[in-house]
Protein backbone atom coordinates (compact mmCIF):
# COMPACT_ATOMS: atom_id res chain seq x y z
CA MET A 1 6.56 -10.85 -41.64
CA THR A 2 2.63 -10.44 -42.37
CA GLY A 3 1.86 -12.11 -39.01
CA VAL A 4 4.15 -9.95 -37.09
CA LEU A 5 2.52 -6.74 -38.78
CA THR A 6 -0.76 -7.93 -37.92
CA PHE A 7 0.18 -8.63 -34.36
CA LEU A 8 1.78 -5.05 -34.00
CA GLY A 9 -1.06 -3.38 -35.84
CA ARG A 10 -3.90 -4.89 -33.83
CA ASN A 11 -2.12 -4.16 -30.62
CA THR A 12 -1.40 -0.95 -31.53
CA LEU A 13 -4.88 -0.03 -32.58
CA GLY A 14 -6.01 -1.78 -29.12
CA PHE A 15 -3.76 0.53 -27.08
CA LEU A 16 -5.23 3.42 -28.90
CA ARG A 17 -8.83 2.49 -28.17
CA TYR A 18 -7.95 1.90 -24.78
CA VAL A 19 -6.06 5.32 -24.41
CA SER A 20 -9.16 6.99 -26.08
CA GLY A 21 -11.83 5.39 -23.68
CA LEU A 22 -9.68 6.48 -20.52
CA TYR A 23 -9.55 10.24 -22.04
CA ASP A 24 -13.36 10.33 -22.68
CA LEU A 25 -14.12 8.71 -19.03
CA SER A 26 -11.69 11.13 -17.52
CA ALA A 27 -13.10 14.11 -19.41
CA LYS A 28 -16.77 13.17 -18.38
CA ALA A 29 -15.87 12.47 -14.80
CA ALA A 30 -13.68 15.88 -14.42
CA TYR A 31 -16.85 17.69 -15.83
CA TRP A 32 -19.26 16.23 -13.42
CA THR A 33 -16.90 16.62 -10.61
CA PHE A 34 -15.38 20.25 -11.39
CA VAL A 35 -17.94 22.07 -13.97
CA ALA A 36 -21.34 20.57 -13.60
CA PRO A 37 -21.64 21.97 -9.83
CA PHE A 38 -21.58 25.52 -10.87
CA LYS A 39 -24.29 25.02 -13.41
CA GLY A 40 -26.66 23.77 -10.84
CA ARG A 41 -26.05 20.05 -11.03
CA SER A 42 -25.15 18.83 -7.61
CA LEU A 43 -22.56 16.31 -6.62
CA LYS A 44 -23.85 13.05 -5.20
CA TRP A 45 -21.97 13.61 -1.51
CA GLY A 46 -23.98 10.97 -0.22
CA ASN A 47 -22.57 8.28 -2.37
CA ALA A 48 -19.20 9.55 -2.28
CA VAL A 49 -19.09 9.59 1.64
CA HIS A 50 -20.32 5.75 1.21
CA GLN A 51 -17.33 5.17 -1.25
CA MET A 52 -14.91 6.89 1.15
CA VAL A 53 -16.01 4.48 4.00
CA LEU A 54 -15.42 1.85 1.64
CA ALA A 55 -12.31 2.34 -0.07
CA GLY A 56 -10.70 4.48 2.61
CA VAL A 57 -11.77 4.01 6.15
CA ASP A 58 -11.88 0.13 5.64
CA SER A 59 -8.62 0.34 4.16
CA ILE A 60 -6.85 1.71 7.26
CA PRO A 61 -5.95 -1.48 9.29
CA ILE A 62 -3.99 -3.20 6.02
CA VAL A 63 -2.38 0.06 4.87
CA SER A 64 -1.31 0.51 8.66
CA ALA A 65 -0.11 -2.87 9.26
CA ILE A 66 1.97 -3.38 5.76
CA SER A 67 3.56 0.08 6.05
CA PHE A 68 4.83 -0.73 9.55
CA PHE A 69 6.15 -3.56 8.45
CA ILE A 70 8.03 -1.90 5.68
CA GLY A 71 9.38 0.76 8.34
CA ILE A 72 10.79 -2.16 10.02
CA VAL A 73 12.50 -3.73 7.12
CA LEU A 74 13.68 -0.34 5.94
CA GLY A 75 15.38 0.13 9.41
CA LEU A 76 16.84 -3.59 9.25
CA GLN A 77 18.40 -3.07 5.80
CA GLY A 78 19.57 0.35 6.53
CA ALA A 79 21.18 -0.19 9.50
CA TYR A 80 22.98 -3.32 8.11
CA GLN A 81 24.89 -1.18 5.79
CA LEU A 82 25.07 2.19 7.86
CA ALA A 83 26.50 -0.01 10.62
CA LYS A 84 29.98 -0.59 8.58
CA PHE A 85 30.55 3.17 8.67
CA GLY A 86 29.23 3.90 12.34
CA ALA A 87 26.49 5.92 10.94
CA THR A 88 23.29 4.15 12.34
CA TYR A 89 21.93 7.58 13.40
CA PHE A 90 20.99 8.09 9.87
CA VAL A 91 18.83 5.18 9.99
CA THR A 92 16.13 7.41 11.17
CA ALA A 93 16.55 9.76 8.07
CA LEU A 94 16.66 6.81 5.63
CA VAL A 95 13.39 5.30 6.67
CA SER A 96 11.31 8.83 7.28
CA VAL A 97 12.35 10.26 3.73
CA SER A 98 11.93 6.95 1.87
CA VAL A 99 8.65 6.19 3.24
CA THR A 100 7.20 9.72 3.00
CA ARG A 101 8.47 10.58 -0.48
CA GLU A 102 8.33 7.21 -2.13
CA LEU A 103 7.16 3.97 -0.17
CA GLY A 104 4.26 5.35 1.72
CA PRO A 105 2.37 6.63 -1.48
CA LEU A 106 3.56 3.84 -3.56
CA MET A 107 2.45 1.14 -1.55
CA THR A 108 -0.72 2.61 -0.45
CA ALA A 109 -1.56 2.96 -4.16
CA ILE A 110 -0.84 -0.70 -4.82
CA ILE A 111 -2.89 -2.10 -1.72
CA ILE A 112 -5.97 0.38 -2.85
CA ALA A 113 -5.47 -0.89 -6.48
CA GLY A 114 -5.99 -4.45 -5.41
CA ARG A 115 -8.51 -3.75 -2.86
CA SER A 116 -10.64 -0.89 -4.18
CA GLY A 117 -9.80 -0.65 -8.23
CA SER A 118 -10.70 -4.35 -8.45
CA ALA A 119 -13.94 -3.77 -6.62
CA PHE A 120 -14.92 -0.75 -8.93
CA ALA A 121 -14.38 -3.03 -11.87
CA ALA A 122 -16.33 -6.03 -10.57
CA GLU A 123 -19.42 -3.62 -9.37
CA LEU A 124 -19.58 -1.92 -12.71
CA GLY A 125 -18.76 -5.12 -14.57
CA THR A 126 -21.60 -6.65 -12.88
CA MET A 127 -24.08 -3.92 -13.62
CA LYS A 128 -22.83 -3.78 -17.18
CA VAL A 129 -23.57 -7.67 -17.73
CA SER A 130 -26.84 -7.26 -15.79
CA GLU A 131 -27.90 -4.43 -18.06
CA GLU A 132 -28.11 -1.99 -14.84
CA ILE A 133 -26.19 0.75 -16.57
CA ASP A 134 -28.37 0.56 -19.90
CA ALA A 135 -31.22 0.94 -17.74
CA LEU A 136 -30.00 3.91 -16.01
CA GLU A 137 -29.07 5.35 -19.54
CA ALA A 138 -32.83 4.59 -20.64
CA MET A 139 -33.97 6.67 -17.74
CA GLY A 140 -32.03 9.61 -18.53
CA LEU A 141 -29.49 9.44 -15.96
CA ASP A 142 -25.71 9.86 -16.79
CA SER A 143 -23.90 6.81 -15.96
CA VAL A 144 -20.57 8.50 -15.13
CA ARG A 145 -22.38 10.95 -12.94
CA TYR A 146 -23.94 8.44 -10.65
CA LEU A 147 -21.41 5.82 -10.65
CA VAL A 148 -18.16 6.99 -11.21
CA VAL A 149 -18.01 10.53 -9.69
CA PRO A 150 -18.55 9.45 -6.37
CA LYS A 151 -15.56 7.00 -6.25
CA TYR A 152 -13.39 9.78 -8.05
CA LEU A 153 -14.27 11.99 -4.96
CA ALA A 154 -13.62 9.55 -2.66
CA MET A 155 -10.47 8.42 -4.02
CA LEU A 156 -9.37 12.23 -4.34
CA VAL A 157 -10.14 12.56 -0.46
CA MET A 158 -8.93 9.41 0.82
CA MET A 159 -5.89 8.62 -0.90
CA PRO A 160 -3.81 11.40 0.74
CA CYS A 161 -5.54 10.53 4.20
CA LEU A 162 -4.21 6.95 3.85
CA THR A 163 -0.97 7.93 2.44
CA LEU A 164 -0.39 10.14 5.86
CA ILE A 165 -1.49 6.80 7.83
CA ALA A 166 0.91 5.03 5.86
CA ASP A 167 3.81 7.31 6.33
CA LEU A 168 3.22 7.64 10.10
CA SER A 169 2.79 3.59 10.39
CA GLY A 170 6.43 3.34 8.31
CA ILE A 171 8.10 5.80 10.33
CA LEU A 172 6.84 4.27 13.61
CA GLY A 173 7.86 0.87 12.30
CA GLY A 174 11.29 2.05 11.60
CA ALA A 175 11.58 4.01 15.24
CA ALA A 176 10.36 0.63 16.84
CA PHE A 177 13.15 -1.29 15.10
CA GLU A 178 15.88 1.38 16.29
CA MET A 179 14.40 1.32 19.79
CA VAL A 180 14.63 -2.40 20.28
CA GLN A 181 17.96 -3.10 18.14
CA LEU A 182 19.72 0.22 18.27
CA ASP A 183 19.03 1.36 21.85
CA LYS A 184 17.66 4.48 20.97
CA THR A 185 14.98 6.24 22.71
CA PHE A 186 11.54 7.41 21.42
CA THR A 187 12.66 11.13 21.79
CA MET A 188 16.00 10.54 19.86
CA VAL A 189 13.99 8.87 17.11
CA LEU A 190 11.38 11.93 17.14
CA VAL A 191 14.35 14.49 17.04
CA ALA A 192 16.14 12.65 14.13
CA THR A 193 12.86 12.70 12.48
CA ARG A 194 12.22 16.12 12.79
CA ASP A 195 15.58 17.18 11.60
CA ALA A 196 15.52 14.71 8.21
CA LEU A 197 11.99 15.54 7.02
CA ALA A 198 11.15 18.67 5.34
CA MET A 199 7.55 19.75 4.17
CA HIS A 200 8.72 19.12 0.78
CA ASP A 201 9.11 15.24 1.43
CA ILE A 202 5.52 14.99 2.69
CA THR A 203 3.96 17.17 -0.02
CA THR A 204 5.57 15.21 -2.62
CA GLY A 205 4.11 12.08 -1.40
CA LEU A 206 0.55 13.72 -1.04
CA ILE A 207 0.80 15.01 -4.86
CA LYS A 208 1.78 11.57 -5.78
CA SER A 209 -1.05 9.68 -3.83
CA MET A 210 -3.73 11.94 -5.53
CA VAL A 211 -2.48 11.11 -9.06
CA PHE A 212 -2.33 7.60 -7.95
CA GLY A 213 -6.18 7.58 -6.65
CA LEU A 214 -7.44 9.05 -10.09
CA ILE A 215 -5.22 6.28 -11.80
CA ILE A 216 -7.14 3.68 -9.69
CA THR A 217 -10.39 5.07 -10.37
CA LYS A 218 -10.04 5.71 -13.75
CA ILE A 219 -8.70 2.19 -14.82
CA GLY A 220 -11.41 0.27 -12.48
CA CYS A 221 -14.21 2.22 -13.89
CA PHE A 222 -13.22 1.98 -17.52
CA GLU A 223 -12.38 -1.89 -17.25
CA GLY A 224 -16.00 -2.25 -15.82
CA PHE A 225 -17.85 -0.32 -18.24
CA SER A 226 -15.77 -2.19 -20.90
CA VAL A 227 -17.17 -5.83 -19.61
CA GLN A 228 -18.21 -8.23 -22.29
CA GLY A 229 -19.21 -11.82 -22.16
CA GLY A 230 -21.24 -12.26 -18.66
CA ALA A 231 -19.28 -13.67 -15.63
CA GLU A 232 -15.93 -14.44 -17.49
CA GLY A 233 -15.71 -10.75 -18.61
CA VAL A 234 -16.13 -9.51 -15.15
CA GLY A 235 -13.26 -11.73 -13.98
CA LYS A 236 -11.04 -10.73 -16.76
CA ALA A 237 -11.74 -6.84 -16.26
CA THR A 238 -11.22 -7.12 -12.63
CA THR A 239 -7.57 -8.80 -13.25
CA SER A 240 -7.02 -6.16 -16.05
CA SER A 241 -7.97 -3.36 -13.74
CA VAL A 242 -5.35 -4.35 -10.90
CA VAL A 243 -2.33 -5.26 -13.54
CA ASN A 244 -3.11 -1.97 -15.68
CA SER A 245 -3.40 0.06 -12.40
CA ILE A 246 -0.20 -1.02 -10.75
CA PHE A 247 1.64 -0.74 -14.13
CA LEU A 248 0.48 2.91 -14.64
CA ILE A 249 1.01 3.59 -10.84
CA ILE A 250 4.46 3.12 -11.24
CA PHE A 251 5.22 4.65 -14.35
CA ALA A 252 3.58 7.88 -12.92
CA ASP A 253 5.74 7.37 -10.00
CA VAL A 254 8.84 7.45 -11.98
CA VAL A 255 7.52 10.59 -13.81
CA PHE A 256 6.78 12.24 -10.73
CA THR A 257 10.03 11.40 -9.18
CA ALA A 258 12.10 12.72 -11.93
CA ILE A 259 10.00 15.63 -11.92
CA PHE A 260 10.46 16.50 -8.24
CA TYR A 261 13.97 15.66 -8.41
CA PHE A 262 14.95 18.01 -11.32
CA THR A 263 12.75 20.84 -9.91
CA GLY A 264 13.42 20.22 -6.08
């Protein structure tokens, strides 16, 4: 019994410390992003643009390809079921709504968590063990302002852009399946997509994508700042950043989906 209580207590305290650290990092990043510029402390847009290229532009091929294949899979599965009722016309609606509201932002976030979130943790973790972050602080430079805020800005801008690309690729994947297998023309698919989609469907996915981007940045940077133990610690932080980011992304997805469901 004592061992069980010790285990629960240790993990509860660890969880509370983790949440407290995330809150502190989030508060500092929000201050340097939204408050400090109005007090004469400019944003590092050059670094932010560099991060946009690394996290956003370079991710376009993999995001597009995976979303395209997901669109094809959705079309296949939807047609398999809807064909029993002679309702294959609604395959387009199934693909377009599913991709824009759910799979587009979710799959984009998971890809970016594995690609960029882990890179954030590895970069900051390496700087931590090599004492570069301590050197920045010793020079009077705020590490959050110089290292986190550019990533913060980059993800806020690029996640909605990547999500739109994922939405388009997924819909095109479904359209390709329908044109090949269901003998539909591209015009027919476009008309059905226009009839099925509402602006609310698209904005729902974009709002989710911004929240997912913040989660990825916060978890990746926090894990990097928390590294201990040299190269082994960097590896553990990189793994933790991906696992924790994906868990929180899916949790946030459930919360926002429920909110949009009951308020929409």
